[in-house]
Amino acid sequence: LGQEAVRDLPGAGQAWVIFTACLIDQMRAGFEESRASYHLFSKREEVLGCATKHLCKSVQLSEIELLSSALAN
């Protein structure tokens, strides 16, 4: 009975339309933000990946130099 009483209130249909529109708008905004942040995230990951490769190469070179100097002594 409670659901029927609420459904029969004046403006209930309009309230559902407004609620649905707000919900869809929020979902759309979240999707667009998610898509934009994914693009930024992928660029950041690319930069971090290049930096990691560079760091690994310099660490390997340092280890080689350290081993070479240890063998020379």
PDB file of N, CA and C in Angstrom:
ATOM      1  N   LEU A   1       0.811  -1.202   0.000  1.00  0.00           N
ATOM      2  CA  LEU A   1       0.000   0.000   0.000  1.00  0.00           C
ATOM      3  C   LEU A   1       0.853   1.264   0.000  1.00  0.00           C
ATOM      4  N   GLY A   2       1.969   1.215   0.716  1.00  0.00           N
ATOM      5  CA  GLY A   2       2.836   2.389   0.797  1.00  0.00           C
ATOM      6  C   GLY A   2       3.394   2.781  -0.557  1.00  0.00           C
ATOM      7  N   GLN A   3       3.786   1.784  -1.349  1.00  0.00           N
ATOM      8  CA  GLN A   3       4.335   2.074  -2.679  1.00  0.00           C
ATOM      9  C   GLN A   3       3.283   2.700  -3.586  1.00  0.00           C
ATOM     10  N   GLU A   4       2.061   2.204  -3.500  1.00  0.00           N
ATOM     11  CA  GLU A   4       0.984   2.761  -4.322  1.00  0.00           C
ATOM     12  C   GLU A   4       0.688   4.198  -3.921  1.00  0.00           C
ATOM     13  N   ALA A   5       0.742   4.477  -2.627  1.00  0.00           N
ATOM     14  CA  ALA A   5       0.467   5.837  -2.151  1.00  0.00           C
ATOM     15  C   ALA A   5       1.527   6.806  -2.659  1.00  0.00           C
ATOM     16  N   VAL A   6       2.782   6.375  -2.627  1.00  0.00           N
ATOM     17  CA  VAL A   6       3.863   7.239  -3.109  1.00  0.00           C
ATOM     18  C   VAL A   6       3.765   7.404  -4.616  1.00  0.00           C
ATOM     19  N   ARG A   7       3.468   6.333  -5.315  1.00  0.00           N
ATOM     20  CA  ARG A   7       3.375   6.380  -6.773  1.00  0.00           C
ATOM     21  C   ARG A   7       2.254   7.300  -7.232  1.00  0.00           C
ATOM     22  N   ASP A   8       1.181   7.346  -6.483  1.00  0.00           N
ATOM     23  CA  ASP A   8       0.017   8.147  -6.874  1.00  0.00           C
ATOM     24  C   ASP A   8       0.127   9.611  -6.467  1.00  0.00           C
ATOM     25  N   LEU A   9       1.190   9.998  -5.794  1.00  0.00           N
ATOM     26  CA  LEU A   9       1.355  11.402  -5.415  1.00  0.00           C
ATOM     27  C   LEU A   9       1.533  12.263  -6.655  1.00  0.00           C
ATOM     28  N   PRO A  10       1.010  13.492  -6.634  1.00  0.00           N
ATOM     29  CA  PRO A  10       1.214  14.389  -7.776  1.00  0.00           C
ATOM     30  C   PRO A  10       2.703  14.702  -7.940  1.00  0.00           C
ATOM     31  N   GLY A  11       3.190  14.613  -9.143  1.00  0.00           N
ATOM     32  CA  GLY A  11       4.594  14.929  -9.412  1.00  0.00           C
ATOM     33  C   GLY A  11       5.542  13.761  -9.220  1.00  0.00           C
ATOM     34  N   ALA A  12       5.034  12.591  -8.838  1.00  0.00           N
ATOM     35  CA  ALA A  12       5.915  11.441  -8.625  1.00  0.00           C
ATOM     36  C   ALA A  12       6.590  11.027  -9.929  1.00  0.00           C
ATOM     37  N   GLY A  13       5.850  11.060 -11.022  1.00  0.00           N
ATOM     38  CA  GLY A  13       6.432  10.708 -12.319  1.00  0.00           C
ATOM     39  C   GLY A  13       7.533  11.671 -12.721  1.00  0.00           C
ATOM     40  N   GLN A  14       7.286  12.959 -12.491  1.00  0.00           N
ATOM     41  CA  GLN A  14       8.295  13.968 -12.815  1.00  0.00           C
ATOM     42  C   GLN A  14       9.523  13.800 -11.921  1.00  0.00           C
ATOM     43  N   ALA A  15       9.310  13.436 -10.674  1.00  0.00           N
ATOM     44  CA  ALA A  15      10.437  13.220  -9.760  1.00  0.00           C
ATOM     45  C   ALA A  15      11.313  12.069 -10.246  1.00  0.00           C
ATOM     46  N   TRP A  16      10.680  10.998 -10.747  1.00  0.00           N
ATOM     47  CA  TRP A  16      11.459   9.873 -11.265  1.00  0.00           C
ATOM     48  C   TRP A  16      12.242  10.268 -12.512  1.00  0.00           C
ATOM     49  N   VAL A  17      11.642  11.095 -13.355  1.00  0.00           N
ATOM     50  CA  VAL A  17      12.336  11.560 -14.560  1.00  0.00           C
ATOM     51  C   VAL A  17      13.553  12.389 -14.171  1.00  0.00           C
ATOM     52  N   ILE A  18      13.388  13.288 -13.205  1.00  0.00           N
ATOM     53  CA  ILE A  18      14.509  14.123 -12.752  1.00  0.00           C
ATOM     54  C   ILE A  18      15.582  13.261 -12.099  1.00  0.00           C
ATOM     55  N   PHE A  19      15.154  12.311 -11.260  1.00  0.00           N
ATOM     56  CA  PHE A  19      16.114  11.417 -10.603  1.00  0.00           C
ATOM     57  C   PHE A  19      16.908  10.623 -11.636  1.00  0.00           C
ATOM     58  N   THR A  20      16.226  10.081 -12.632  1.00  0.00           N
ATOM     59  CA  THR A  20      16.898   9.296 -13.676  1.00  0.00           C
ATOM     60  C   THR A  20      17.861  10.164 -14.475  1.00  0.00           C
ATOM     61  N   ALA A  21      17.454  11.393 -14.790  1.00  0.00           N
ATOM     62  CA  ALA A  21      18.330  12.300 -15.543  1.00  0.00           C
ATOM     63  C   ALA A  21      19.589  12.630 -14.740  1.00  0.00           C
ATOM     64  N   CYS A  22      19.422  12.880 -13.440  1.00  0.00           N
ATOM     65  CA  CYS A  22      20.589  13.171 -12.585  1.00  0.00           C
ATOM     66  C   CYS A  22      21.521  11.970 -12.501  1.00  0.00           C
ATOM     67  N   LEU A  23      20.948  10.794 -12.367  1.00  0.00           N
ATOM     68  CA  LEU A  23      21.749   9.575 -12.283  1.00  0.00           C
ATOM     69  C   LEU A  23      22.544   9.353 -13.565  1.00  0.00           C
ATOM     70  N   ILE A  24      21.903   9.514 -14.705  1.00  0.00           N
ATOM     71  CA  ILE A  24      22.585   9.343 -15.990  1.00  0.00           C
ATOM     72  C   ILE A  24      23.672  10.395 -16.164  1.00  0.00           C
ATOM     73  N   ASP A  25      23.391  11.630 -15.752  1.00  0.00           N
ATOM     74  CA  ASP A  25      24.382  12.699 -15.856  1.00  0.00           C
ATOM     75  C   ASP A  25      25.608  12.391 -15.003  1.00  0.00           C
ATOM     76  N   GLN A  26      25.390  11.890 -13.793  1.00  0.00           N
ATOM     77  CA  GLN A  26      26.513  11.545 -12.920  1.00  0.00           C
ATOM     78  C   GLN A  26      27.324  10.385 -13.497  1.00  0.00           C
ATOM     79  N   MET A  27      26.643   9.399 -14.057  1.00  0.00           N
ATOM     80  CA  MET A  27      27.351   8.266 -14.660  1.00  0.00           C
ATOM     81  C   MET A  27      28.165   8.719 -15.867  1.00  0.00           C
ATOM     82  N   ARG A  28      27.595   9.604 -16.681  1.00  0.00           N
ATOM     83  CA  ARG A  28      28.304  10.112 -17.852  1.00  0.00           C
ATOM     84  C   ARG A  28      29.538  10.906 -17.424  1.00  0.00           C
ATOM     85  N   ALA A  29      29.388  11.747 -16.411  1.00  0.00           N
ATOM     86  CA  ALA A  29      30.520  12.539 -15.921  1.00  0.00           C
ATOM     87  C   ALA A  29      31.613  11.626 -15.375  1.00  0.00           C
ATOM     88  N   GLY A  30      31.223  10.591 -14.647  1.00  0.00           N
ATOM     89  CA  GLY A  30      32.204   9.641 -14.130  1.00  0.00           C
ATOM     90  C   GLY A  30      32.927   8.907 -15.239  1.00  0.00           C
ATOM     91  N   PHE A  31      32.195   8.530 -16.281  1.00  0.00           N
ATOM     92  CA  PHE A  31      32.813   7.837 -17.402  1.00  0.00           C
ATOM     93  C   PHE A  31      33.805   8.739 -18.116  1.00  0.00           C
ATOM     94  N   GLU A  32      33.407  10.001 -18.362  1.00  0.00           N
ATOM     95  CA  GLU A  32      34.304  10.929 -19.053  1.00  0.00           C
ATOM     96  C   GLU A  32      35.550  11.205 -18.222  1.00  0.00           C
ATOM     97  N   GLU A  33      35.385  11.342 -16.904  1.00  0.00           N
ATOM     98  CA  GLU A  33      36.538  11.567 -16.027  1.00  0.00           C
ATOM     99  C   GLU A  33      37.448  10.344 -16.020  1.00  0.00           C
ATOM    100  N   SER A  34      36.834   9.174 -15.987  1.00  0.00           N
ATOM    101  CA  SER A  34      37.606   7.934 -15.999  1.00  0.00           C
ATOM    102  C   SER A  34      38.392   7.802 -17.295  1.00  0.00           C
ATOM    103  N   ARG A  35      37.768   8.144 -18.400  1.00  0.00           N
ATOM    104  CA  ARG A  35      38.437   8.049 -19.695  1.00  0.00           C
ATOM    105  C   ARG A  35      39.588   9.042 -19.784  1.00  0.00           C
ATOM    106  N   ALA A  36      39.392  10.252 -19.284  1.00  0.00           N
ATOM    107  CA  ALA A  36      40.447  11.273 -19.310  1.00  0.00           C
ATOM    108  C   ALA A  36      41.600  10.876 -18.397  1.00  0.00           C
ATOM    109  N   SER A  37      41.283  10.344 -17.217  1.00  0.00           N
ATOM    110  CA  SER A  37      42.356   9.966 -16.296  1.00  0.00           C
ATOM    111  C   SER A  37      43.103   8.743 -16.814  1.00  0.00           C
ATOM    112  N   TYR A  38      42.429   7.848 -17.555  1.00  0.00           N
ATOM    113  CA  TYR A  38      43.122   6.696 -18.131  1.00  0.00           C
ATOM    114  C   TYR A  38      44.165   7.169 -19.133  1.00  0.00           C
ATOM    115  N   HIS A  39      43.810   8.177 -19.935  1.00  0.00           N
ATOM    116  CA  HIS A  39      44.763   8.713 -20.907  1.00  0.00           C
ATOM    117  C   HIS A  39      45.976   9.298 -20.185  1.00  0.00           C
ATOM    118  N   LEU A  40      45.746  10.056 -19.127  1.00  0.00           N
ATOM    119  CA  LEU A  40      46.852  10.624 -18.354  1.00  0.00           C
ATOM    120  C   LEU A  40      47.646   9.520 -17.674  1.00  0.00           C
ATOM    121  N   PHE A  41      46.931   8.509 -17.162  1.00  0.00           N
ATOM    122  CA  PHE A  41      47.594   7.407 -16.479  1.00  0.00           C
ATOM    123  C   PHE A  41      48.505   6.656 -17.447  1.00  0.00           C
ATOM    124  N   SER A  42      48.046   6.427 -18.675  1.00  0.00           N
ATOM    125  CA  SER A  42      48.865   5.688 -19.627  1.00  0.00           C
ATOM    126  C   SER A  42      50.104   6.493 -20.011  1.00  0.00           C
ATOM    127  N   LYS A  43      49.970   7.817 -20.135  1.00  0.00           N
ATOM    128  CA  LYS A  43      51.143   8.648 -20.430  1.00  0.00           C
ATOM    129  C   LYS A  43      52.121   8.600 -19.265  1.00  0.00           C
ATOM    130  N   ARG A  44      51.598   8.681 -18.040  1.00  0.00           N
ATOM    131  CA  ARG A  44      52.452   8.633 -16.859  1.00  0.00           C
ATOM    132  C   ARG A  44      53.169   7.289 -16.785  1.00  0.00           C
ATOM    133  N   GLU A  45      52.446   6.219 -17.083  1.00  0.00           N
ATOM    134  CA  GLU A  45      53.057   4.893 -17.068  1.00  0.00           C
ATOM    135  C   GLU A  45      54.163   4.791 -18.113  1.00  0.00           C
ATOM    136  N   GLU A  46      53.953   5.402 -19.267  1.00  0.00           N
ATOM    137  CA  GLU A  46      54.972   5.385 -20.319  1.00  0.00           C
ATOM    138  C   GLU A  46      56.236   6.102 -19.846  1.00  0.00           C
ATOM    139  N   VAL A  47      56.067   7.257 -19.214  1.00  0.00           N
ATOM    140  CA  VAL A  47      57.216   8.015 -18.706  1.00  0.00           C
ATOM    141  C   VAL A  47      57.923   7.227 -17.611  1.00  0.00           C
ATOM    142  N   LEU A  48      57.153   6.653 -16.694  1.00  0.00           N
ATOM    143  CA  LEU A  48      57.763   5.870 -15.615  1.00  0.00           C
ATOM    144  C   LEU A  48      58.470   4.631 -16.159  1.00  0.00           C
ATOM    145  N   GLY A  49      57.911   4.034 -17.195  1.00  0.00           N
ATOM    146  CA  GLY A  49      58.552   2.872 -17.800  1.00  0.00           C
ATOM    147  C   GLY A  49      59.899   3.226 -18.405  1.00  0.00           C
ATOM    148  N   CYS A  50      59.961   4.356 -19.112  1.00  0.00           N
ATOM    149  CA  CYS A  50      61.233   4.797 -19.698  1.00  0.00           C
ATOM    150  C   CYS A  50      62.243   5.128 -18.611  1.00  0.00           C
ATOM    151  N   ALA A  51      61.781   5.778 -17.550  1.00  0.00           N
ATOM    152  CA  ALA A  51      62.683   6.124 -16.448  1.00  0.00           C
ATOM    153  C   ALA A  51      63.209   4.865 -15.767  1.00  0.00           C
ATOM    154  N   THR A  52      62.360   3.869 -15.618  1.00  0.00           N
ATOM    155  CA  THR A  52      62.779   2.614 -14.993  1.00  0.00           C
ATOM    156  C   THR A  52      63.827   1.909 -15.842  1.00  0.00           C
ATOM    157  N   LYS A  53      63.611   1.875 -17.152  1.00  0.00           N
ATOM    158  CA  LYS A  53      64.602   1.254 -18.039  1.00  0.00           C
ATOM    159  C   LYS A  53      65.941   1.973 -17.941  1.00  0.00           C
ATOM    160  N   HIS A  54      65.888   3.299 -17.932  1.00  0.00           N
ATOM    161  CA  HIS A  54      67.118   4.087 -17.833  1.00  0.00           C
ATOM    162  C   HIS A  54      67.818   3.817 -16.507  1.00  0.00           C
ATOM    163  N   LEU A  55      67.041   3.757 -15.431  1.00  0.00           N
ATOM    164  CA  LEU A  55      67.613   3.497 -14.111  1.00  0.00           C
ATOM    165  C   LEU A  55      68.230   2.104 -14.054  1.00  0.00           C
ATOM    166  N   CYS A  56      67.556   1.121 -14.623  1.00  0.00           N
ATOM    167  CA  CYS A  56      68.094  -0.245 -14.622  1.00  0.00           C
ATOM    168  C   CYS A  56      69.404  -0.313 -15.394  1.00  0.00           C
ATOM    169  N   LYS A  57      69.470   0.381 -16.528  1.00  0.00           N
ATOM    170  CA  LYS A  57      70.711   0.383 -17.305  1.00  0.00           C
ATOM    171  C   LYS A  57      71.843   1.018 -16.514  1.00  0.00           C
ATOM    172  N   SER A  58      71.568   2.142 -15.833  1.00  0.00           N
ATOM    173  CA  SER A  58      72.631   2.803 -15.083  1.00  0.00           C
ATOM    174  C   SER A  58      73.038   1.978 -13.869  1.00  0.00           C
ATOM    175  N   VAL A  59      72.107   1.256 -13.250  1.00  0.00           N
ATOM    176  CA  VAL A  59      72.463   0.387 -12.121  1.00  0.00           C
ATOM    177  C   VAL A  59      73.321  -0.766 -12.622  1.00  0.00           C
ATOM    178  N   GLN A  60      72.959  -1.337 -13.760  1.00  0.00           N
ATOM    179  CA  GLN A  60      73.752  -2.428 -14.318  1.00  0.00           C
ATOM    180  C   GLN A  60      75.152  -1.947 -14.669  1.00  0.00           C
ATOM    181  N   LEU A  61      75.265  -0.751 -15.237  1.00  0.00           N
ATOM    182  CA  LEU A  61      76.585  -0.206 -15.552  1.00  0.00           C
ATOM    183  C   LEU A  61      77.392   0.022 -14.284  1.00  0.00           C
ATOM    184  N   SER A  62      76.748   0.506 -13.233  1.00  0.00           N
ATOM    185  CA  SER A  62      77.442   0.722 -11.964  1.00  0.00           C
ATOM    186  C   SER A  62      77.929  -0.601 -11.387  1.00  0.00           C
ATOM    187  N   GLU A  63      77.107  -1.638 -11.482  1.00  0.00           N
ATOM    188  CA  GLU A  63      77.517  -2.950 -10.982  1.00  0.00           C
ATOM    189  C   GLU A  63      78.696  -3.489 -11.786  1.00  0.00           C
ATOM    190  N   ILE A  64      78.663  -3.301 -13.095  1.00  0.00           N
ATOM    191  CA  ILE A  64      79.766  -3.766 -13.944  1.00  0.00           C
ATOM    192  C   ILE A  64      81.045  -3.020 -13.588  1.00  0.00           C
ATOM    193  N   GLU A  65      80.946  -1.705 -13.397  1.00  0.00           N
ATOM    194  CA  GLU A  65      82.124  -0.917 -13.022  1.00  0.00           C
ATOM    195  C   GLU A  65      82.650  -1.351 -11.661  1.00  0.00           C
ATOM    196  N   LEU A  66      81.746  -1.630 -10.727  1.00  0.00           N
ATOM    197  CA  LEU A  66      82.148  -2.069  -9.391  1.00  0.00           C
ATOM    198  C   LEU A  66      82.847  -3.423  -9.460  1.00  0.00           C
ATOM    199  N   LEU A  67      82.305  -4.340 -10.233  1.00  0.00           N
ATOM    200  CA  LEU A  67      82.934  -5.653 -10.380  1.00  0.00           C
ATOM    201  C   LEU A  67      84.285  -5.540 -11.084  1.00  0.00           C
ATOM    202  N   SER A  68      84.366  -4.682 -12.088  1.00  0.00           N
ATOM    203  CA  SER A  68      85.631  -4.499 -12.806  1.00  0.00           C
ATOM    204  C   SER A  68      86.702  -3.944 -11.886  1.00  0.00           C
ATOM    205  N   SER A  69      86.331  -2.972 -11.068  1.00  0.00           N
ATOM    206  CA  SER A  69      87.322  -2.390 -10.157  1.00  0.00           C
ATOM    207  C   SER A  69      87.701  -3.384  -9.067  1.00  0.00           C
ATOM    208  N   ALA A  70      86.764  -4.224  -8.639  1.00  0.00           N
ATOM    209  CA  ALA A  70      87.075  -5.229  -7.620  1.00  0.00           C
ATOM    210  C   ALA A  70      88.013  -6.286  -8.191  1.00  0.00           C
ATOM    211  N   LEU A  71      87.815  -6.668  -9.437  1.00  0.00           N
ATOM    212  CA  LEU A  71      88.681  -7.659 -10.062  1.00  0.00           C
ATOM    213  C   LEU A  71      90.065  -7.080 -10.348  1.00  0.00           C
ATOM    214  N   ALA A  72      90.117  -5.796 -10.642  1.00  0.00           N
ATOM    215  CA  ALA A  72      91.398  -5.149 -10.938  1.00  0.00           C
ATOM    216  C   ALA A  72      92.260  -5.051  -9.678  1.00  0.00           C
ATOM    217  N   ASN A  73      91.644  -4.928  -8.530  1.00  0.00           N
ATOM    218  CA  ASN A  73      92.396  -4.808  -7.268  1.00  0.00           C
ATOM    219  C   ASN A  73      92.740  -6.162  -6.801  1.00  0.00           C
TER     220      ASN A  73
END
